[in-house]
Amino acid sequence: MYEIAEDVLNMVEEPNYGVRKEFFRHKNTLLFHGDILNKELFDKQFIDLIVTSPPYNVGIDYNSNDDELSYEQYLNFSEQWMKNCYDWSKTQARFCLNIPLDKNKGGHRSVGADLTKIAQKVGWKYKTTIIWNEGNISRRTAWGSWKSASAPVVIAPVELIVVLYRDEWKKTNGSKISDITGDEFKDWTQGVWVFNGESKKRIGHPAPFPKELPYRCIKLFSYQNDLVFDPFVGSGTTLLVAQNLYRKAIGIELDSEYCELAKNRILKETGTINFELNGKKNITT
């Protein structure tokens, strides 16, 4: 169950010095220290599903990433990494992109719409958008013109999970083994997901997302033994959830400290997610 497929091993073990460095290998998971903007990282189509949350460009204090680019620079950055992921994806690959609806730091920007448009520009096809309600409206401090039509500020306490695909939406390849329950399928195919975000302090990363996000995306959009890819590993949430759900996983992370954080979380939290498999409750090991 945990052996990485031969074609994937051949791909990741090709000499590629100076481009990427294998940081960690555990069971069905590989983590590379490298830059997702480098199109030489891989030269084959290997991805079945991408689940990621890229930098939002809102001034988060990452160790190794500049999160205060001009908006034009940020859109160019987004186009580069999404094009690379497209080139490395199989024809039936899916892409779950967690991004903000909009932002107002440094000027109001329609981030969700702009990044969705860029994804389609590089070749991805649009399927749907899931609204993730974190329920964080209580955190707001800016109201604009209080109780006045002069200049009110409207803030939506939601993020987006934009669902895209490469060439074909219908999935005919892979193991054909789904582990999603009937109740989960009915609930998650409704376009609004409600669950809490993750604590920065608890995880030790400035912008973690909760396990629930990749857990739902992986179970809804992939089969067991599919390969899940995260180009911005961060604290490792996508990789550890994929491993616990009997998927193969490959991730890229620019910062060595976050690589270490992801490694430690994967080692510690493997086998911690319960899920339904063939009608029986299971715990991955």
C-alpha atoms as a PDB file:
ATOM      1  CA  MET A   1       0.000   0.000   0.000  1.00  0.00           C
ATOM      2  CA  TYR A   2       2.819   2.416   0.781  1.00  0.00           C
ATOM      3  CA  GLU A   3       5.155   1.681  -2.114  1.00  0.00           C
ATOM      4  CA  ILE A   4       5.566   4.624  -4.448  1.00  0.00           C
ATOM      5  CA  ALA A   5       4.764   3.611  -8.033  1.00  0.00           C
ATOM      6  CA  GLU A   6       7.736   2.679 -10.196  1.00  0.00           C
ATOM      7  CA  ASP A   7       7.170   5.499 -12.675  1.00  0.00           C
ATOM      8  CA  VAL A   8       7.156   8.054  -9.873  1.00  0.00           C
ATOM      9  CA  LEU A   9      10.358   6.654  -8.408  1.00  0.00           C
ATOM     10  CA  ASN A  10      12.015   6.857 -11.815  1.00  0.00           C
ATOM     11  CA  MET A  11      10.965  10.468 -12.126  1.00  0.00           C
ATOM     12  CA  VAL A  12      12.059  11.700  -8.717  1.00  0.00           C
ATOM     13  CA  GLU A  13      15.334   9.808  -8.663  1.00  0.00           C
ATOM     14  CA  GLU A  14      16.671  11.237 -11.908  1.00  0.00           C
ATOM     15  CA  PRO A  15      19.774  13.375 -11.212  1.00  0.00           C
ATOM     16  CA  ASN A  16      18.658  16.969 -10.937  1.00  0.00           C
ATOM     17  CA  TYR A  17      21.313  18.576  -8.806  1.00  0.00           C
ATOM     18  CA  GLY A  18      20.920  22.282  -8.092  1.00  0.00           C
ATOM     19  CA  VAL A  19      17.223  22.230  -9.020  1.00  0.00           C
ATOM     20  CA  ARG A  20      15.640  20.298  -6.173  1.00  0.00           C
ATOM     21  CA  LYS A  21      16.815  18.309  -3.175  1.00  0.00           C
ATOM     22  CA  GLU A  22      14.978  15.374  -1.680  1.00  0.00           C
ATOM     23  CA  PHE A  23      14.404  16.470   1.895  1.00  0.00           C
ATOM     24  CA  PHE A  24      12.304  13.619   3.240  1.00  0.00           C
ATOM     25  CA  ARG A  25      10.816  10.294   2.198  1.00  0.00           C
ATOM     26  CA  HIS A  26       8.299   8.444   4.334  1.00  0.00           C
ATOM     27  CA  LYS A  27       6.147   5.547   3.197  1.00  0.00           C
ATOM     28  CA  ASN A  28       4.189   6.940   0.211  1.00  0.00           C
ATOM     29  CA  THR A  29       5.324  10.559   0.610  1.00  0.00           C
ATOM     30  CA  LEU A  30       8.196  12.565  -0.871  1.00  0.00           C
ATOM     31  CA  LEU A  31       9.088  16.115   0.127  1.00  0.00           C
ATOM     32  CA  PHE A  32      11.483  18.219  -1.934  1.00  0.00           C
ATOM     33  CA  HIS A  33      13.276  21.400  -0.968  1.00  0.00           C
ATOM     34  CA  GLY A  34      13.022  23.564  -4.075  1.00  0.00           C
ATOM     35  CA  ASP A  35      11.372  26.468  -5.871  1.00  0.00           C
ATOM     36  CA  ILE A  36       8.059  25.795  -7.606  1.00  0.00           C
ATOM     37  CA  LEU A  37       8.853  28.535 -10.141  1.00  0.00           C
ATOM     38  CA  ASN A  38      11.620  26.374 -11.611  1.00  0.00           C
ATOM     39  CA  LYS A  39      10.136  24.554 -14.600  1.00  0.00           C
ATOM     40  CA  GLU A  40      13.054  22.105 -14.538  1.00  0.00           C
ATOM     41  CA  LEU A  41      11.925  20.499 -11.263  1.00  0.00           C
ATOM     42  CA  PHE A  42      10.191  17.684 -13.153  1.00  0.00           C
ATOM     43  CA  ASP A  43       9.953  16.655 -16.775  1.00  0.00           C
ATOM     44  CA  LYS A  44       7.066  14.169 -16.727  1.00  0.00           C
ATOM     45  CA  GLN A  45       3.316  14.226 -16.208  1.00  0.00           C
ATOM     46  CA  PHE A  46       2.716  12.546 -12.836  1.00  0.00           C
ATOM     47  CA  ILE A  47       0.044  14.489 -10.919  1.00  0.00           C
ATOM     48  CA  ASP A  48      -3.494  13.184 -10.341  1.00  0.00           C
ATOM     49  CA  LEU A  49      -4.669  15.879  -7.918  1.00  0.00           C
ATOM     50  CA  ILE A  50      -3.255  19.195  -6.712  1.00  0.00           C
ATOM     51  CA  VAL A  51      -4.446  20.548  -3.357  1.00  0.00           C
ATOM     52  CA  THR A  52      -2.730  23.744  -2.309  1.00  0.00           C
ATOM     53  CA  SER A  53      -3.021  27.191  -0.806  1.00  0.00           C
ATOM     54  CA  PRO A  54      -0.443  29.535  -2.362  1.00  0.00           C
ATOM     55  CA  PRO A  55       0.867  32.717  -0.738  1.00  0.00           C
ATOM     56  CA  TYR A  56      -1.900  35.352  -0.683  1.00  0.00           C
ATOM     57  CA  ASN A  57       0.440  38.371  -1.057  1.00  0.00           C
ATOM     58  CA  VAL A  58      -0.993  40.086   2.000  1.00  0.00           C
ATOM     59  CA  GLY A  59       2.233  40.694   3.916  1.00  0.00           C
ATOM     60  CA  ILE A  60       2.462  37.425   5.833  1.00  0.00           C
ATOM     61  CA  ASP A  61       5.894  37.036   7.406  1.00  0.00           C
ATOM     62  CA  TYR A  62       7.139  33.879   5.686  1.00  0.00           C
ATOM     63  CA  ASN A  63      10.764  32.874   6.182  1.00  0.00           C
ATOM     64  CA  SER A  64      11.731  32.658   2.511  1.00  0.00           C
ATOM     65  CA  ASN A  65       8.901  34.087   0.430  1.00  0.00           C
ATOM     66  CA  ASP A  66       8.223  37.748  -0.357  1.00  0.00           C
ATOM     67  CA  ASP A  67       4.513  38.171   0.408  1.00  0.00           C
ATOM     68  CA  GLU A  68       4.417  41.858  -0.512  1.00  0.00           C
ATOM     69  CA  LEU A  69       4.890  41.880  -4.272  1.00  0.00           C
ATOM     70  CA  SER A  70       3.187  44.414  -6.466  1.00  0.00           C
ATOM     71  CA  TYR A  71      -0.113  43.014  -7.699  1.00  0.00           C
ATOM     72  CA  GLU A  72       1.262  42.671 -11.216  1.00  0.00           C
ATOM     73  CA  GLN A  73       4.279  40.758  -9.865  1.00  0.00           C
ATOM     74  CA  TYR A  74       1.966  38.527  -7.846  1.00  0.00           C
ATOM     75  CA  LEU A  75      -0.133  37.680 -10.898  1.00  0.00           C
ATOM     76  CA  ASN A  76       3.032  36.868 -12.876  1.00  0.00           C
ATOM     77  CA  PHE A  77       4.234  34.662 -10.011  1.00  0.00           C
ATOM     78  CA  SER A  78       0.870  32.887  -9.989  1.00  0.00           C
ATOM     79  CA  GLU A  79       0.949  32.322 -13.742  1.00  0.00           C
ATOM     80  CA  GLN A  80       4.421  30.759 -13.565  1.00  0.00           C
ATOM     81  CA  TRP A  81       3.686  28.227 -10.852  1.00  0.00           C
ATOM     82  CA  MET A  82       0.265  27.281 -12.219  1.00  0.00           C
ATOM     83  CA  LYS A  83       1.763  26.733 -15.679  1.00  0.00           C
ATOM     84  CA  ASN A  84       4.444  24.455 -14.210  1.00  0.00           C
ATOM     85  CA  CYS A  85       1.829  22.427 -12.358  1.00  0.00           C
ATOM     86  CA  TYR A  86      -0.224  22.158 -15.550  1.00  0.00           C
ATOM     87  CA  ASP A  87       2.784  20.813 -17.462  1.00  0.00           C
ATOM     88  CA  TRP A  88       3.427  18.143 -14.790  1.00  0.00           C
ATOM     89  CA  SER A  89      -0.208  17.002 -14.583  1.00  0.00           C
ATOM     90  CA  LYS A  90      -1.848  14.014 -16.205  1.00  0.00           C
ATOM     91  CA  THR A  91      -4.677  14.567 -18.679  1.00  0.00           C
ATOM     92  CA  GLN A  92      -7.343  13.787 -16.051  1.00  0.00           C
ATOM     93  CA  ALA A  93      -5.685  15.736 -13.229  1.00  0.00           C
ATOM     94  CA  ARG A  94      -7.795  17.874 -10.920  1.00  0.00           C
ATOM     95  CA  PHE A  95      -6.674  21.079  -9.192  1.00  0.00           C
ATOM     96  CA  CYS A  96      -8.149  22.383  -5.893  1.00  0.00           C
ATOM     97  CA  LEU A  97      -6.905  25.940  -5.425  1.00  0.00           C
ATOM     98  CA  ASN A  98      -7.558  27.575  -2.042  1.00  0.00           C
ATOM     99  CA  ILE A  99      -7.390  31.358  -2.432  1.00  0.00           C
ATOM    100  CA  PRO A 100      -9.068  34.452  -0.981  1.00  0.00           C
ATOM    101  CA  LEU A 101     -12.189  35.872  -2.555  1.00  0.00           C
ATOM    102  CA  ASP A 102     -10.646  39.326  -2.518  1.00  0.00           C
ATOM    103  CA  LYS A 103      -8.249  41.488  -0.544  1.00  0.00           C
ATOM    104  CA  ASN A 104      -8.017  45.117   0.471  1.00  0.00           C
ATOM    105  CA  LYS A 105      -4.441  45.431   1.695  1.00  0.00           C
ATOM    106  CA  GLY A 106      -2.611  47.663  -0.764  1.00  0.00           C
ATOM    107  CA  GLY A 107      -5.803  48.305  -2.692  1.00  0.00           C
ATOM    108  CA  HIS A 108      -8.962  46.324  -3.321  1.00  0.00           C
ATOM    109  CA  ARG A 109      -8.313  43.376  -5.622  1.00  0.00           C
ATOM    110  CA  SER A 110     -10.546  40.607  -6.947  1.00  0.00           C
ATOM    111  CA  VAL A 111      -7.982  37.897  -6.210  1.00  0.00           C
ATOM    112  CA  GLY A 112     -10.282  34.934  -6.696  1.00  0.00           C
ATOM    113  CA  ALA A 113     -11.504  36.096 -10.079  1.00  0.00           C
ATOM    114  CA  ASP A 114      -8.036  37.118 -11.253  1.00  0.00           C
ATOM    115  CA  LEU A 115      -6.309  33.857 -10.285  1.00  0.00           C
ATOM    116  CA  THR A 116      -9.129  31.781 -11.770  1.00  0.00           C
ATOM    117  CA  LYS A 117      -8.695  33.669 -15.040  1.00  0.00           C
ATOM    118  CA  ILE A 118      -4.916  33.103 -14.984  1.00  0.00           C
ATOM    119  CA  ALA A 119      -5.370  29.386 -14.300  1.00  0.00           C
ATOM    120  CA  GLN A 120      -7.528  29.146 -17.418  1.00  0.00           C
ATOM    121  CA  LYS A 121      -5.017  31.208 -19.384  1.00  0.00           C
ATOM    122  CA  VAL A 122      -2.286  28.612 -18.798  1.00  0.00           C
ATOM    123  CA  GLY A 123      -4.573  25.742 -19.799  1.00  0.00           C
ATOM    124  CA  TRP A 124      -6.619  24.650 -16.787  1.00  0.00           C
ATOM    125  CA  LYS A 125     -10.340  24.199 -17.378  1.00  0.00           C
ATOM    126  CA  TYR A 126     -12.839  25.531 -14.869  1.00  0.00           C
ATOM    127  CA  LYS A 127     -15.278  23.182 -13.103  1.00  0.00           C
ATOM    128  CA  THR A 128     -16.715  24.885 -10.033  1.00  0.00           C
ATOM    129  CA  THR A 129     -15.978  26.994  -6.956  1.00  0.00           C
ATOM    130  CA  ILE A 130     -16.527  25.871  -3.384  1.00  0.00           C
ATOM    131  CA  ILE A 131     -17.101  28.574  -0.777  1.00  0.00           C
ATOM    132  CA  TRP A 132     -15.258  27.882   2.469  1.00  0.00           C
ATOM    133  CA  ASN A 133     -16.883  29.692   5.389  1.00  0.00           C
ATOM    134  CA  GLU A 134     -14.395  29.900   8.250  1.00  0.00           C
ATOM    135  CA  GLY A 135     -16.870  31.778  10.433  1.00  0.00           C
ATOM    136  CA  ASN A 136     -14.302  34.457  11.284  1.00  0.00           C
ATOM    137  CA  ILE A 137     -16.446  37.575  10.861  1.00  0.00           C
ATOM    138  CA  SER A 138     -15.803  38.444  14.517  1.00  0.00           C
ATOM    139  CA  ARG A 139     -12.151  39.190  13.705  1.00  0.00           C
ATOM    140  CA  ARG A 140     -12.953  42.251  11.597  1.00  0.00           C
ATOM    141  CA  THR A 141     -11.901  45.672  12.814  1.00  0.00           C
ATOM    142  CA  ALA A 142     -12.499  47.901   9.761  1.00  0.00           C
ATOM    143  CA  TRP A 143     -16.014  49.134   9.050  1.00  0.00           C
ATOM    144  CA  GLY A 144     -15.220  52.070   6.785  1.00  0.00           C
ATOM    145  CA  SER A 145     -17.828  54.792   7.220  1.00  0.00           C
ATOM    146  CA  TRP A 146     -19.667  53.518  10.308  1.00  0.00           C
ATOM    147  CA  LYS A 147     -23.454  53.664   9.882  1.00  0.00           C
ATOM    148  CA  SER A 148     -23.056  55.804   6.798  1.00  0.00           C
ATOM    149  CA  ALA A 149     -23.337  55.264   3.048  1.00  0.00           C
ATOM    150  CA  SER A 150     -20.265  57.461   2.622  1.00  0.00           C
ATOM    151  CA  ALA A 151     -17.691  54.646   2.284  1.00  0.00           C
ATOM    152  CA  PRO A 152     -18.730  51.391   3.981  1.00  0.00           C
ATOM    153  CA  VAL A 153     -16.369  48.405   3.922  1.00  0.00           C
ATOM    154  CA  VAL A 154     -17.930  45.026   3.092  1.00  0.00           C
ATOM    155  CA  ILE A 155     -15.952  41.963   4.175  1.00  0.00           C
ATOM    156  CA  ALA A 156     -16.949  38.406   3.284  1.00  0.00           C
ATOM    157  CA  PRO A 157     -15.674  35.918   5.916  1.00  0.00           C
ATOM    158  CA  VAL A 158     -14.999  33.258   3.283  1.00  0.00           C
ATOM    159  CA  GLU A 159     -12.281  31.830   1.103  1.00  0.00           C
ATOM    160  CA  LEU A 160     -12.552  29.983  -2.191  1.00  0.00           C
ATOM    161  CA  ILE A 161     -11.591  26.500  -3.297  1.00  0.00           C
ATOM    162  CA  VAL A 162     -11.541  26.775  -7.074  1.00  0.00           C
ATOM    163  CA  VAL A 163     -11.847  23.365  -8.729  1.00  0.00           C
ATOM    164  CA  LEU A 164     -10.140  23.010 -12.100  1.00  0.00           C
ATOM    165  CA  TYR A 165      -9.014  20.154 -14.320  1.00  0.00           C
ATOM    166  CA  ARG A 166      -6.524  19.633 -17.115  1.00  0.00           C
ATOM    167  CA  ASP A 167      -8.131  18.010 -20.193  1.00  0.00           C
ATOM    168  CA  GLU A 168     -10.890  15.612 -19.130  1.00  0.00           C
ATOM    169  CA  TRP A 169     -13.175  15.914 -16.118  1.00  0.00           C
ATOM    170  CA  LYS A 170     -14.481  12.340 -16.100  1.00  0.00           C
ATOM    171  CA  LYS A 171     -12.004  10.145 -14.262  1.00  0.00           C
ATOM    172  CA  THR A 172     -11.458   6.814 -16.001  1.00  0.00           C
ATOM    173  CA  ASN A 173      -7.920   6.070 -14.781  1.00  0.00           C
ATOM    174  CA  GLY A 174      -6.582   5.116 -11.368  1.00  0.00           C
ATOM    175  CA  SER A 175      -7.540   2.421  -8.880  1.00  0.00           C
ATOM    176  CA  LYS A 176     -11.302   3.221  -9.016  1.00  0.00           C
ATOM    177  CA  ILE A 177     -11.322   2.811  -5.209  1.00  0.00           C
ATOM    178  CA  SER A 178     -13.237   5.631  -3.544  1.00  0.00           C
ATOM    179  CA  ASP A 179     -13.325   5.981   0.241  1.00  0.00           C
ATOM    180  CA  ILE A 180     -15.979   8.700   0.530  1.00  0.00           C
ATOM    181  CA  THR A 181     -19.184   7.844   2.402  1.00  0.00           C
ATOM    182  CA  GLY A 182     -22.675   8.583   1.147  1.00  0.00           C
ATOM    183  CA  ASP A 183     -23.243  11.267   3.769  1.00  0.00           C
ATOM    184  CA  GLU A 184     -19.906  12.898   2.984  1.00  0.00           C
ATOM    185  CA  PHE A 185     -20.675  12.900  -0.733  1.00  0.00           C
ATOM    186  CA  LYS A 186     -24.092  14.511  -0.229  1.00  0.00           C
ATOM    187  CA  ASP A 187     -22.677  17.106   2.157  1.00  0.00           C
ATOM    188  CA  TRP A 188     -19.490  17.980   0.294  1.00  0.00           C
ATOM    189  CA  THR A 189     -21.103  18.316  -3.148  1.00  0.00           C
ATOM    190  CA  GLN A 190     -23.018  21.260  -1.715  1.00  0.00           C
ATOM    191  CA  GLY A 191     -21.007  24.320  -2.674  1.00  0.00           C
ATOM    192  CA  VAL A 192     -20.587  25.846   0.793  1.00  0.00           C
ATOM    193  CA  TRP A 193     -18.235  24.170   3.274  1.00  0.00           C
ATOM    194  CA  VAL A 194     -18.297  25.299   6.887  1.00  0.00           C
ATOM    195  CA  PHE A 195     -15.380  24.450   9.171  1.00  0.00           C
ATOM    196  CA  ASN A 196     -12.865  26.376  11.244  1.00  0.00           C
ATOM    197  CA  GLY A 197      -9.444  27.526  10.153  1.00  0.00           C
ATOM    198  CA  GLU A 198      -6.202  26.377  11.770  1.00  0.00           C
ATOM    199  CA  SER A 199      -4.199  28.000  14.568  1.00  0.00           C
ATOM    200  CA  LYS A 200      -0.887  29.551  13.542  1.00  0.00           C
ATOM    201  CA  LYS A 201       0.411  29.187  17.083  1.00  0.00           C
ATOM    202  CA  ARG A 202      -0.525  25.513  17.383  1.00  0.00           C
ATOM    203  CA  ILE A 203       1.051  24.534  14.055  1.00  0.00           C
ATOM    204  CA  GLY A 204       4.046  26.886  14.120  1.00  0.00           C
ATOM    205  CA  HIS A 205       3.507  28.264  10.617  1.00  0.00           C
ATOM    206  CA  PRO A 206       2.216  31.747   9.672  1.00  0.00           C
ATOM    207  CA  ALA A 207      -0.517  30.500   7.312  1.00  0.00           C
ATOM    208  CA  PRO A 208      -1.588  26.881   7.907  1.00  0.00           C
ATOM    209  CA  PHE A 209      -4.842  25.472   6.620  1.00  0.00           C
ATOM    210  CA  PRO A 210      -6.856  22.851   8.532  1.00  0.00           C
ATOM    211  CA  LYS A 211      -6.724  19.137   7.759  1.00  0.00           C
ATOM    212  CA  GLU A 212     -10.402  19.250   6.885  1.00  0.00           C
ATOM    213  CA  LEU A 213      -9.707  21.128   3.651  1.00  0.00           C
ATOM    214  CA  PRO A 214      -7.388  18.603   1.938  1.00  0.00           C
ATOM    215  CA  TYR A 215      -9.303  15.744   3.604  1.00  0.00           C
ATOM    216  CA  ARG A 216     -12.483  16.705   1.755  1.00  0.00           C
ATOM    217  CA  CYS A 217     -10.756  17.560  -1.526  1.00  0.00           C
ATOM    218  CA  ILE A 218      -8.745  14.329  -1.600  1.00  0.00           C
ATOM    219  CA  LYS A 219     -11.679  12.057  -0.793  1.00  0.00           C
ATOM    220  CA  LEU A 220     -14.064  13.823  -3.192  1.00  0.00           C
ATOM    221  CA  PHE A 221     -11.742  14.243  -6.185  1.00  0.00           C
ATOM    222  CA  SER A 222      -9.303  11.304  -6.125  1.00  0.00           C
ATOM    223  CA  TYR A 223      -9.063   7.542  -5.810  1.00  0.00           C
ATOM    224  CA  GLN A 224      -6.859   5.646  -3.406  1.00  0.00           C
ATOM    225  CA  ASN A 225      -3.296   5.328  -4.721  1.00  0.00           C
ATOM    226  CA  ASP A 226      -3.622   8.500  -6.809  1.00  0.00           C
ATOM    227  CA  LEU A 227      -0.743  10.942  -6.541  1.00  0.00           C
ATOM    228  CA  VAL A 228      -1.528  14.170  -4.695  1.00  0.00           C
ATOM    229  CA  PHE A 229       0.786  17.147  -5.240  1.00  0.00           C
ATOM    230  CA  ASP A 230       1.259  20.306  -3.167  1.00  0.00           C
ATOM    231  CA  PRO A 231       3.560  22.972  -4.653  1.00  0.00           C
ATOM    232  CA  PHE A 232       3.500  25.004  -1.389  1.00  0.00           C
ATOM    233  CA  VAL A 233       3.912  22.407   1.347  1.00  0.00           C
ATOM    234  CA  GLY A 234       4.236  24.816   4.274  1.00  0.00           C
ATOM    235  CA  SER A 235       3.462  22.858   7.436  1.00  0.00           C
ATOM    236  CA  GLY A 236       2.784  19.666   5.452  1.00  0.00           C
ATOM    237  CA  THR A 237      -0.980  19.353   5.934  1.00  0.00           C
ATOM    238  CA  THR A 238      -1.814  18.159   2.401  1.00  0.00           C
ATOM    239  CA  LEU A 239       0.959  15.564   2.423  1.00  0.00           C
ATOM    240  CA  LEU A 240       0.116  14.057   5.797  1.00  0.00           C
ATOM    241  CA  VAL A 241      -3.601  13.871   4.987  1.00  0.00           C
ATOM    242  CA  ALA A 242      -2.869  12.267   1.611  1.00  0.00           C
ATOM    243  CA  GLN A 243      -0.638   9.682   3.271  1.00  0.00           C
ATOM    244  CA  ASN A 244      -3.315   8.891   5.837  1.00  0.00           C
ATOM    245  CA  LEU A 245      -5.847   8.393   3.046  1.00  0.00           C
ATOM    246  CA  TYR A 246      -3.764   5.849   1.116  1.00  0.00           C
ATOM    247  CA  ARG A 247      -2.657   8.271  -1.584  1.00  0.00           C
ATOM    248  CA  LYS A 248       0.855   8.893  -2.797  1.00  0.00           C
ATOM    249  CA  ALA A 249       2.058  12.442  -2.168  1.00  0.00           C
ATOM    250  CA  ILE A 250       4.793  14.719  -3.472  1.00  0.00           C
ATOM    251  CA  GLY A 251       5.400  18.249  -2.258  1.00  0.00           C
ATOM    252  CA  ILE A 252       7.694  21.206  -2.894  1.00  0.00           C
ATOM    253  CA  GLU A 253       8.698  23.712  -0.221  1.00  0.00           C
ATOM    254  CA  LEU A 254      11.019  26.691  -0.653  1.00  0.00           C
ATOM    255  CA  ASP A 255      11.974  27.125   3.005  1.00  0.00           C
ATOM    256  CA  SER A 256      14.137  24.550   4.789  1.00  0.00           C
ATOM    257  CA  GLU A 257      12.630  25.322   8.213  1.00  0.00           C
ATOM    258  CA  TYR A 258       9.139  24.626   6.897  1.00  0.00           C
ATOM    259  CA  CYS A 259      10.449  21.427   5.316  1.00  0.00           C
ATOM    260  CA  GLU A 260      11.571  20.354   8.782  1.00  0.00           C
ATOM    261  CA  LEU A 261       8.208  21.333  10.257  1.00  0.00           C
ATOM    262  CA  ALA A 262       6.362  19.308   7.600  1.00  0.00           C
ATOM    263  CA  LYS A 263       8.653  16.330   8.144  1.00  0.00           C
ATOM    264  CA  ASN A 264       8.027  16.324  11.895  1.00  0.00           C
ATOM    265  CA  ARG A 265       4.262  16.641  11.482  1.00  0.00           C
ATOM    266  CA  ILE A 266       4.125  13.787   8.966  1.00  0.00           C
ATOM    267  CA  LEU A 267       6.141  11.528  11.271  1.00  0.00           C
ATOM    268  CA  LYS A 268       4.005  12.472  14.270  1.00  0.00           C
ATOM    269  CA  GLU A 269       0.556  12.474  12.688  1.00  0.00           C
ATOM    270  CA  THR A 270       0.648   9.527  10.311  1.00  0.00           C
ATOM    271  CA  GLY A 271      -2.202   7.230  11.271  1.00  0.00           C
ATOM    272  CA  THR A 272      -4.337   9.847  12.993  1.00  0.00           C
ATOM    273  CA  ILE A 273      -7.261  10.257  10.582  1.00  0.00           C
ATOM    274  CA  ASN A 274     -10.257   7.947  10.729  1.00  0.00           C
ATOM    275  CA  PHE A 275     -12.094   7.326   7.502  1.00  0.00           C
ATOM    276  CA  GLU A 276     -14.620   4.984   5.954  1.00  0.00           C
ATOM    277  CA  LEU A 277     -13.262   2.253   3.674  1.00  0.00           C
ATOM    278  CA  ASN A 278     -15.511  -0.390   2.092  1.00  0.00           C
ATOM    279  CA  GLY A 279     -18.120   0.111   4.775  1.00  0.00           C
ATOM    280  CA  LYS A 280     -15.739  -0.314   7.708  1.00  0.00           C
ATOM    281  CA  LYS A 281     -14.047   2.193   9.961  1.00  0.00           C
ATOM    282  CA  ASN A 282     -10.282   2.221   9.486  1.00  0.00           C
ATOM    283  CA  ILE A 283      -7.280   4.031  10.880  1.00  0.00           C
ATOM    284  CA  THR A 284      -4.306   4.325   8.568  1.00  0.00           C
ATOM    285  CA  THR A 285      -0.997   3.147   9.936  1.00  0.00           C
END
